[in-house]
Amino acid sequence: MMQRTLVMIRHAKSSWANPLQSDFERPLNDRGEKDAPMMGEELKKRKLVPDLIISSTAKRAKQTAKKIAAAVGYDEANIRWYEKLYHCIPSVFEEVLYEVQDNVKTVYIVAHNPGITEFVNELSDEFYIDNMPTCAVAGIRFEADQWNEFHRIKKEVFLFEYPKNIK
């Protein structure tokens, strides 16, 4: 058995400056630009450095993933991009995790509400939140030989943090 860690990250605050812009193309706003590297620093400080980062392909998620990757020292060229993470239902997160190689111990997934909040709330009877704020991180630990055991294995949410809480 190997201890594995999943860190779910909601994209940082996005800009609504251009009302004609598609939701998929919305970039980060100034606060999002600051919050993403700050949360990356927080994860690094907690020694939660990823072996793999997976992200939605929406612009704000991509920008968040790249800023967090830079802050934790992860090569952004190795980020895996999944269009299906854009506004997905919780089961899609599991589908993505089942594709992760078994030598990977720590995975970050950068995605969107409401799916990310719903997914995190399904992971443990001891953890519930009404909403994952922008750039919030939820850390989940579990023991498993393979990522494809994720669904049936007991998980612990050991971390829930967000920018306004650490500023």
Protein backbone atom coordinates (compact mmCIF):
# COMPACT_ATOMS: atom_id res chain seq x y z
CA MET A 1 0.00 0.00 0.00
CA MET A 2 1.15 3.49 -0.78
CA GLN A 3 -0.06 6.69 0.78
CA ARG A 4 -1.49 8.88 -1.95
CA THR A 5 -2.53 12.52 -1.89
CA LEU A 6 -5.03 14.32 -4.07
CA VAL A 7 -5.21 18.11 -3.94
CA MET A 8 -8.35 19.57 -5.50
CA ILE A 9 -7.93 23.23 -6.48
CA ARG A 10 -10.68 25.54 -7.66
CA HIS A 11 -9.43 28.05 -10.23
CA ALA A 12 -8.56 31.51 -8.92
CA LYS A 13 -10.86 34.54 -9.24
CA SER A 14 -11.72 35.32 -12.86
CA SER A 15 -12.48 38.53 -14.64
CA TRP A 16 -15.94 39.55 -15.81
CA ALA A 17 -14.58 42.74 -17.41
CA ASN A 18 -15.59 41.72 -20.92
CA PRO A 19 -19.31 40.78 -20.96
CA LEU A 20 -19.01 39.44 -24.53
CA GLN A 21 -16.29 36.95 -23.63
CA SER A 22 -17.27 33.28 -23.48
CA ASP A 23 -17.17 31.68 -20.04
CA PHE A 24 -14.47 29.26 -21.25
CA GLU A 25 -12.20 32.16 -22.30
CA ARG A 26 -12.50 34.27 -19.12
CA PRO A 27 -9.02 35.06 -17.71
CA LEU A 28 -7.97 35.62 -14.10
CA ASN A 29 -8.55 39.05 -12.60
CA ASP A 30 -5.96 40.91 -10.50
CA ARG A 31 -6.93 39.09 -7.31
CA GLY A 32 -6.73 35.72 -9.07
CA GLU A 33 -3.28 36.62 -10.43
CA LYS A 34 -2.08 37.14 -6.83
CA ASP A 35 -4.01 34.34 -5.12
CA ALA A 36 -2.83 31.46 -7.34
CA PRO A 37 0.92 31.81 -6.63
CA MET A 38 0.15 32.47 -2.95
CA MET A 39 -1.77 29.19 -2.68
CA GLY A 40 1.06 27.43 -4.51
CA GLU A 41 3.48 28.79 -1.89
CA GLU A 42 1.14 27.56 0.85
CA LEU A 43 1.07 24.04 -0.63
CA LYS A 44 4.86 24.04 -0.96
CA LYS A 45 5.22 25.20 2.67
CA ARG A 46 3.06 22.23 3.68
CA LYS A 47 5.32 19.92 1.65
CA LEU A 48 2.49 19.02 -0.73
CA VAL A 49 4.50 19.06 -3.94
CA PRO A 50 2.84 17.33 -6.91
CA ASP A 51 4.12 14.48 -9.03
CA LEU A 52 1.40 15.40 -11.52
CA ILE A 53 -0.83 18.42 -12.16
CA ILE A 54 -4.04 17.95 -14.14
CA SER A 55 -6.17 20.91 -15.20
CA SER A 56 -9.27 21.97 -17.04
CA THR A 57 -8.47 23.68 -20.36
CA ALA A 58 -10.59 26.76 -19.58
CA LYS A 59 -8.40 29.87 -19.61
CA ARG A 60 -8.77 30.74 -15.89
CA ALA A 61 -8.02 27.15 -14.86
CA LYS A 62 -4.96 26.99 -17.13
CA GLN A 63 -3.63 30.27 -15.72
CA THR A 64 -4.22 29.03 -12.16
CA ALA A 65 -2.50 25.70 -12.85
CA LYS A 66 0.55 27.40 -14.40
CA LYS A 67 0.93 29.88 -11.52
CA ILE A 68 0.62 27.16 -8.90
CA ALA A 69 3.04 24.94 -10.83
CA ALA A 70 5.61 27.75 -10.88
CA ALA A 71 5.19 28.35 -7.14
CA VAL A 72 5.74 24.68 -6.23
CA GLY A 73 8.54 24.11 -8.74
CA TYR A 74 6.59 21.86 -11.13
CA ASP A 75 7.42 22.07 -14.85
CA GLU A 76 4.34 23.51 -16.56
CA ALA A 77 5.23 21.54 -19.70
CA ASN A 78 4.19 18.42 -17.73
CA ILE A 79 0.70 19.66 -16.82
CA ARG A 80 -1.97 17.38 -18.30
CA TRP A 81 -4.87 19.27 -19.86
CA TYR A 82 -8.38 17.81 -19.92
CA GLU A 83 -11.22 19.65 -21.62
CA LYS A 84 -13.69 17.30 -19.91
CA LEU A 85 -12.84 18.90 -16.52
CA TYR A 86 -14.58 22.10 -17.62
CA HIS A 87 -17.77 22.28 -15.51
CA CYS A 88 -17.82 18.51 -15.09
CA ILE A 89 -19.86 16.33 -12.75
CA PRO A 90 -18.02 14.65 -9.83
CA SER A 91 -17.63 11.25 -11.54
CA VAL A 92 -15.40 12.81 -14.24
CA PHE A 93 -12.74 13.57 -11.59
CA GLU A 94 -12.60 9.86 -10.81
CA GLU A 95 -12.36 8.95 -14.50
CA VAL A 96 -9.34 11.25 -14.78
CA LEU A 97 -7.74 9.78 -11.65
CA TYR A 98 -8.12 6.24 -13.02
CA GLU A 99 -5.76 7.25 -15.85
CA VAL A 100 -2.99 8.33 -13.43
CA GLN A 101 0.05 6.02 -13.39
CA ASP A 102 0.50 4.08 -10.17
CA ASN A 103 3.98 5.44 -9.45
CA VAL A 104 2.46 8.93 -8.96
CA LYS A 105 1.89 9.72 -5.27
CA THR A 106 0.58 13.31 -5.26
CA VAL A 107 -1.81 14.77 -7.83
CA TYR A 108 -3.27 18.27 -8.12
CA ILE A 109 -6.49 18.76 -10.10
CA VAL A 110 -7.48 22.31 -11.07
CA ALA A 111 -11.15 22.67 -11.98
CA HIS A 112 -14.47 24.46 -11.46
CA ASN A 113 -17.56 24.77 -9.32
CA PRO A 114 -20.10 23.36 -8.76
CA GLY A 115 -18.52 19.99 -9.61
CA ILE A 116 -15.41 20.45 -7.47
CA THR A 117 -17.43 21.27 -4.33
CA GLU A 118 -19.77 18.32 -4.95
CA PHE A 119 -16.82 15.98 -5.51
CA VAL A 120 -14.96 17.02 -2.35
CA ASN A 121 -18.17 16.66 -0.31
CA GLU A 122 -18.56 13.05 -1.51
CA LEU A 123 -15.11 12.00 -0.28
CA SER A 124 -15.58 11.76 3.48
CA ASP A 125 -18.45 11.65 5.98
CA GLU A 126 -16.38 13.91 8.26
CA PHE A 127 -16.05 16.78 5.80
CA TYR A 128 -18.61 19.09 4.23
CA ILE A 129 -18.46 22.61 2.79
CA ASP A 130 -21.17 24.75 1.22
CA ASN A 131 -18.85 26.10 -1.41
CA MET A 132 -15.19 25.94 -2.40
CA PRO A 133 -14.17 29.58 -2.81
CA THR A 134 -12.00 30.60 -5.75
CA CYS A 135 -8.45 29.25 -5.41
CA ALA A 136 -9.45 27.06 -2.46
CA VAL A 137 -7.53 23.82 -1.99
CA ALA A 138 -8.78 20.58 -0.48
CA GLY A 139 -6.24 17.89 0.37
CA ILE A 140 -7.32 14.25 0.45
CA ARG A 141 -5.19 11.33 1.70
CA PHE A 142 -5.73 7.62 1.30
CA GLU A 143 -3.84 4.33 1.17
CA ALA A 144 -4.02 2.41 -2.10
CA ASP A 145 -1.88 0.38 -4.45
CA GLN A 146 -3.48 1.97 -7.51
CA TRP A 147 -5.35 5.15 -8.37
CA ASN A 148 -8.20 3.07 -9.84
CA GLU A 149 -9.05 1.98 -6.27
CA PHE A 150 -9.96 5.59 -5.44
CA HIS A 151 -13.72 5.11 -5.48
CA ARG A 152 -13.91 2.27 -2.98
CA ILE A 153 -11.14 3.25 -0.57
CA LYS A 154 -11.56 5.23 2.68
CA LYS A 155 -10.37 8.81 2.25
CA GLU A 156 -9.51 11.58 4.70
CA VAL A 157 -9.86 15.28 3.90
CA PHE A 158 -6.88 16.64 5.85
CA LEU A 159 -6.65 20.13 4.39
CA PHE A 160 -9.07 22.85 3.42
CA GLU A 161 -7.57 26.26 2.80
CA TYR A 162 -8.39 29.35 0.75
CA PRO A 163 -6.77 32.73 0.08
CA LYS A 164 -8.83 34.90 2.43
CA ASN A 165 -7.96 32.53 5.26
CA ILE A 166 -4.17 32.79 4.89
CA LYS A 167 -3.67 36.45 3.91
